[in-house]
Amino acid sequence: MLAGGKIRSKIKTRTTIKLKDGSVLNGHVYCSQDERLSDLLNSAKPFLPFETMDGKIIFVTKGAISQVAPKEKTGLEKAYLDPSDILGISKEASLETIKEAYHTKVRAFHPDRLTALELPDEIISYATDIMARINEAYQRLLQEAGSSD
C-alpha cells in the first residue's frame, strides 16, 4: 500500500489460529510496521489474509476464529524481504529469468484481474499489498543486475 508516496512494508508474523470448528492453522499474517496483530484482527475487514506454512494464501473469515496466538520469531521473517524469494527465483537468475518471473507473478496477483473476478475488497486490498512487494522486489533485482528496464 502507498502512504505518502512510499511503499509500506509489512512485517511477517508467525501465527497459530484456532478456528471455532476445532481446526488449527499454522502460518503467517502480515501487519504494517505501525500495526499490531490485535489491530489487524479488530479492523472492519471480515477476512484475515493468512499464509499457510507451505506458502499458500488463504482468507480466513474472522467470525470463524476462536483464538490467535503469535509464535516466537524464528528468523524466517526476513526471508520474505529477499527479492529473489519474492519472485521465486534463484539469486543467480539471469535478467531474462527475472523479467519472466515478474510477469508471471503480475499475471497471478494483479488487483485488476481479481477485481474482474468480483472478489471482496479485502482480497483486492491484499493483492495490492502483494503487488507492491512484487514490484519492489523486481526493481531491486533490476538495480542489482544493472538494468534500467
C-alpha atoms as a PDB file:
ATOM      1  CA  MET A   1       0.000   0.000   0.000  1.00  0.00           C
ATOM      2  CA  LEU A   2       1.135   3.526  -0.593  1.00  0.00           C
ATOM      3  CA  ALA A   3       1.434   6.008   2.224  1.00  0.00           C
ATOM      4  CA  GLY A   4       2.835   9.407   1.370  1.00  0.00           C
ATOM      5  CA  GLY A   5       4.269   8.072  -1.893  1.00  0.00           C
ATOM      6  CA  LYS A   6       6.282   5.323  -0.201  1.00  0.00           C
ATOM      7  CA  ILE A   7       5.637   1.602  -0.196  1.00  0.00           C
ATOM      8  CA  ARG A   8       4.752   0.469   3.305  1.00  0.00           C
ATOM      9  CA  SER A   9       6.468  -2.752   4.150  1.00  0.00           C
ATOM     10  CA  LYS A  10       4.688  -5.421   6.107  1.00  0.00           C
ATOM     11  CA  ILE A  11       6.003  -7.488   8.982  1.00  0.00           C
ATOM     12  CA  LYS A  12       5.549 -11.218   8.621  1.00  0.00           C
ATOM     13  CA  THR A  13       4.421 -12.712  11.928  1.00  0.00           C
ATOM     14  CA  ARG A  14       4.278 -16.455  12.515  1.00  0.00           C
ATOM     15  CA  THR A  15       0.870 -17.218  13.978  1.00  0.00           C
ATOM     16  CA  THR A  16      -1.315 -20.108  15.052  1.00  0.00           C
ATOM     17  CA  ILE A  17      -5.046 -19.655  14.535  1.00  0.00           C
ATOM     18  CA  LYS A  18      -7.580 -21.944  16.207  1.00  0.00           C
ATOM     19  CA  LEU A  19     -10.958 -21.977  14.485  1.00  0.00           C
ATOM     20  CA  LYS A  20     -14.320 -22.455  16.166  1.00  0.00           C
ATOM     21  CA  ASP A  21     -14.663 -25.864  14.482  1.00  0.00           C
ATOM     22  CA  GLY A  22     -11.518 -27.005  16.361  1.00  0.00           C
ATOM     23  CA  SER A  23      -9.129 -26.975  13.399  1.00  0.00           C
ATOM     24  CA  VAL A  24      -5.776 -25.239  13.724  1.00  0.00           C
ATOM     25  CA  LEU A  25      -3.924 -23.179  11.112  1.00  0.00           C
ATOM     26  CA  ASN A  26      -0.184 -22.553  11.344  1.00  0.00           C
ATOM     27  CA  GLY A  27       1.411 -19.907   9.189  1.00  0.00           C
ATOM     28  CA  HIS A  28       1.893 -16.164   8.905  1.00  0.00           C
ATOM     29  CA  VAL A  29      -0.048 -12.922   8.910  1.00  0.00           C
ATOM     30  CA  TYR A  30       1.300  -9.590   7.645  1.00  0.00           C
ATOM     31  CA  CYS A  31       0.956  -6.403   9.682  1.00  0.00           C
ATOM     32  CA  SER A  32       2.045  -2.888   8.799  1.00  0.00           C
ATOM     33  CA  GLN A  33       5.022  -1.672  10.797  1.00  0.00           C
ATOM     34  CA  ASP A  34       2.749   0.577  12.856  1.00  0.00           C
ATOM     35  CA  GLU A  35       0.072  -2.098  13.271  1.00  0.00           C
ATOM     36  CA  ARG A  36      -0.273  -4.787  15.930  1.00  0.00           C
ATOM     37  CA  LEU A  37      -1.838  -8.189  15.360  1.00  0.00           C
ATOM     38  CA  SER A  38      -4.786  -7.090  17.509  1.00  0.00           C
ATOM     39  CA  ASP A  39      -5.305  -4.067  15.226  1.00  0.00           C
ATOM     40  CA  LEU A  40      -5.430  -6.368  12.219  1.00  0.00           C
ATOM     41  CA  LEU A  41      -7.938  -8.660  13.917  1.00  0.00           C
ATOM     42  CA  ASN A  42     -10.119  -5.774  15.086  1.00  0.00           C
ATOM     43  CA  SER A  43     -10.266  -3.989  11.744  1.00  0.00           C
ATOM     44  CA  ALA A  44     -13.619  -3.732   9.959  1.00  0.00           C
ATOM     45  CA  LYS A  45     -12.481  -6.172   7.259  1.00  0.00           C
ATOM     46  CA  PRO A  46     -14.318  -9.508   7.625  1.00  0.00           C
ATOM     47  CA  PHE A  47     -11.424 -11.610   6.242  1.00  0.00           C
ATOM     48  CA  LEU A  48      -7.906 -12.169   7.536  1.00  0.00           C
ATOM     49  CA  PRO A  49      -5.315 -12.889   4.839  1.00  0.00           C
ATOM     50  CA  PHE A  50      -3.195 -15.814   6.044  1.00  0.00           C
ATOM     51  CA  GLU A  51      -0.159 -17.529   4.540  1.00  0.00           C
ATOM     52  CA  THR A  52      -0.004 -21.242   5.337  1.00  0.00           C
ATOM     53  CA  MET A  53       3.323 -22.903   6.129  1.00  0.00           C
ATOM     54  CA  ASP A  54       3.503 -24.228   2.560  1.00  0.00           C
ATOM     55  CA  GLY A  55       3.156 -20.684   1.165  1.00  0.00           C
ATOM     56  CA  LYS A  56      -0.484 -20.762   0.095  1.00  0.00           C
ATOM     57  CA  ILE A  57      -2.509 -17.610   0.718  1.00  0.00           C
ATOM     58  CA  ILE A  58      -5.949 -18.194   2.195  1.00  0.00           C
ATOM     59  CA  PHE A  59      -8.528 -15.818   3.597  1.00  0.00           C
ATOM     60  CA  VAL A  60      -9.969 -16.739   6.980  1.00  0.00           C
ATOM     61  CA  THR A  61     -13.339 -15.344   7.997  1.00  0.00           C
ATOM     62  CA  LYS A  62     -12.707 -13.531  11.269  1.00  0.00           C
ATOM     63  CA  GLY A  63     -16.013 -14.807  12.625  1.00  0.00           C
ATOM     64  CA  ALA A  64     -14.678 -18.383  12.378  1.00  0.00           C
ATOM     65  CA  ILE A  65     -11.663 -17.641  14.600  1.00  0.00           C
ATOM     66  CA  SER A  66     -11.755 -18.624  18.257  1.00  0.00           C
ATOM     67  CA  GLN A  67      -8.104 -17.968  19.186  1.00  0.00           C
ATOM     68  CA  VAL A  68      -4.984 -16.386  17.671  1.00  0.00           C
ATOM     69  CA  ALA A  69      -1.507 -16.844  19.100  1.00  0.00           C
ATOM     70  CA  PRO A  70       1.630 -15.240  17.640  1.00  0.00           C
ATOM     71  CA  LYS A  71       4.671 -17.528  17.769  1.00  0.00           C
ATOM     72  CA  GLU A  72       8.214 -16.589  18.665  1.00  0.00           C
ATOM     73  CA  LYS A  73      10.242 -15.163  15.813  1.00  0.00           C
ATOM     74  CA  THR A  74      12.358 -17.825  14.166  1.00  0.00           C
ATOM     75  CA  GLY A  75      14.429 -15.837  11.705  1.00  0.00           C
ATOM     76  CA  LEU A  76      12.122 -16.862   8.847  1.00  0.00           C
ATOM     77  CA  GLU A  77      10.549 -13.427   8.932  1.00  0.00           C
ATOM     78  CA  LYS A  78      13.418 -11.920   6.932  1.00  0.00           C
ATOM     79  CA  ALA A  79      13.122 -14.402   4.053  1.00  0.00           C
ATOM     80  CA  TYR A  80      10.088 -12.684   2.566  1.00  0.00           C
ATOM     81  CA  LEU A  81      12.123  -9.491   2.065  1.00  0.00           C
ATOM     82  CA  ASP A  82      14.638 -11.201  -0.223  1.00  0.00           C
ATOM     83  CA  PRO A  83      13.642 -10.111  -3.740  1.00  0.00           C
ATOM     84  CA  SER A  84      14.677 -13.468  -5.237  1.00  0.00           C
ATOM     85  CA  ASP A  85      12.423 -15.310  -2.791  1.00  0.00           C
ATOM     86  CA  ILE A  86       9.506 -12.995  -3.554  1.00  0.00           C
ATOM     87  CA  LEU A  87       9.781 -13.732  -7.277  1.00  0.00           C
ATOM     88  CA  GLY A  88      10.551 -17.416  -6.669  1.00  0.00           C
ATOM     89  CA  ILE A  89      13.892 -17.445  -8.494  1.00  0.00           C
ATOM     90  CA  SER A  90      17.491 -18.221  -7.616  1.00  0.00           C
ATOM     91  CA  LYS A  91      19.862 -15.456  -6.575  1.00  0.00           C
ATOM     92  CA  GLU A  92      21.923 -16.154  -9.722  1.00  0.00           C
ATOM     93  CA  ALA A  93      18.943 -15.772 -12.096  1.00  0.00           C
ATOM     94  CA  SER A  94      19.515 -14.086 -15.449  1.00  0.00           C
ATOM     95  CA  LEU A  95      17.829 -10.818 -16.366  1.00  0.00           C
ATOM     96  CA  GLU A  96      15.507 -12.740 -18.691  1.00  0.00           C
ATOM     97  CA  THR A  97      14.515 -15.110 -15.856  1.00  0.00           C
ATOM     98  CA  ILE A  98      13.900 -12.161 -13.523  1.00  0.00           C
ATOM     99  CA  LYS A  99      11.596 -10.498 -16.065  1.00  0.00           C
ATOM    100  CA  GLU A 100       9.759 -13.746 -16.801  1.00  0.00           C
ATOM    101  CA  ALA A 101       9.197 -14.438 -13.088  1.00  0.00           C
ATOM    102  CA  TYR A 102       7.984 -10.887 -12.544  1.00  0.00           C
ATOM    103  CA  HIS A 103       5.439 -11.081 -15.365  1.00  0.00           C
ATOM    104  CA  THR A 104       4.219 -14.463 -14.112  1.00  0.00           C
ATOM    105  CA  LYS A 105       3.640 -13.018 -10.616  1.00  0.00           C
ATOM    106  CA  VAL A 106       1.902  -9.950 -12.046  1.00  0.00           C
ATOM    107  CA  ARG A 107      -0.491 -12.139 -14.038  1.00  0.00           C
ATOM    108  CA  ALA A 108      -1.304 -14.133 -10.907  1.00  0.00           C
ATOM    109  CA  PHE A 109      -1.696 -11.318  -8.366  1.00  0.00           C
ATOM    110  CA  HIS A 110      -2.632  -8.133 -10.211  1.00  0.00           C
ATOM    111  CA  PRO A 111      -5.557  -6.495  -8.375  1.00  0.00           C
ATOM    112  CA  ASP A 112      -7.320  -5.562 -11.635  1.00  0.00           C
ATOM    113  CA  ARG A 113      -7.530  -9.238 -12.567  1.00  0.00           C
ATOM    114  CA  LEU A 114      -9.030 -10.076  -9.184  1.00  0.00           C
ATOM    115  CA  THR A 115     -11.437  -7.138  -9.382  1.00  0.00           C
ATOM    116  CA  ALA A 116     -12.723  -8.534 -12.671  1.00  0.00           C
ATOM    117  CA  LEU A 117     -13.485 -11.780 -10.792  1.00  0.00           C
ATOM    118  CA  GLU A 118     -15.675  -9.703  -8.418  1.00  0.00           C
ATOM    119  CA  LEU A 119     -13.770 -10.816  -5.309  1.00  0.00           C
ATOM    120  CA  PRO A 120     -14.297  -8.996  -1.973  1.00  0.00           C
ATOM    121  CA  ASP A 121     -12.485  -5.695  -1.348  1.00  0.00           C
ATOM    122  CA  GLU A 122     -10.350  -7.326   1.364  1.00  0.00           C
ATOM    123  CA  ILE A 123      -8.868  -9.727  -1.169  1.00  0.00           C
ATOM    124  CA  ILE A 124      -8.257  -6.895  -3.647  1.00  0.00           C
ATOM    125  CA  SER A 125      -6.524  -4.903  -0.894  1.00  0.00           C
ATOM    126  CA  TYR A 126      -4.329  -7.879  -0.042  1.00  0.00           C
ATOM    127  CA  ALA A 127      -3.475  -8.401  -3.715  1.00  0.00           C
ATOM    128  CA  THR A 128      -2.464  -4.734  -3.880  1.00  0.00           C
ATOM    129  CA  ASP A 129      -0.090  -5.298  -0.960  1.00  0.00           C
ATOM    130  CA  ILE A 130       1.364  -8.371  -2.653  1.00  0.00           C
ATOM    131  CA  MET A 131       1.837  -6.433  -5.902  1.00  0.00           C
ATOM    132  CA  ALA A 132       3.721  -3.721  -4.009  1.00  0.00           C
ATOM    133  CA  ARG A 133       6.128  -6.396  -2.736  1.00  0.00           C
ATOM    134  CA  ILE A 134       6.468  -7.932  -6.193  1.00  0.00           C
ATOM    135  CA  ASN A 135       7.158  -4.534  -7.792  1.00  0.00           C
ATOM    136  CA  GLU A 136       9.691  -3.608  -5.110  1.00  0.00           C
ATOM    137  CA  ALA A 137      11.471  -6.968  -5.500  1.00  0.00           C
ATOM    138  CA  TYR A 138      11.562  -6.579  -9.278  1.00  0.00           C
ATOM    139  CA  GLN A 139      13.011  -3.074  -9.064  1.00  0.00           C
ATOM    140  CA  ARG A 140      15.658  -4.192  -6.559  1.00  0.00           C
ATOM    141  CA  LEU A 141      16.678  -7.120  -8.776  1.00  0.00           C
ATOM    142  CA  LEU A 142      16.844  -4.874 -11.855  1.00  0.00           C
ATOM    143  CA  GLN A 143      19.075  -2.442  -9.957  1.00  0.00           C
ATOM    144  CA  GLU A 144      21.343  -5.276  -8.832  1.00  0.00           C
ATOM    145  CA  ALA A 145      21.513  -6.570 -12.423  1.00  0.00           C
ATOM    146  CA  GLY A 146      22.334  -3.053 -13.678  1.00  0.00           C
ATOM    147  CA  SER A 147      19.277  -2.837 -15.937  1.00  0.00           C
ATOM    148  CA  SER A 148      17.116   0.262 -16.380  1.00  0.00           C
ATOM    149  CA  ASP A 149      14.153  -1.717 -17.768  1.00  0.00           C
END
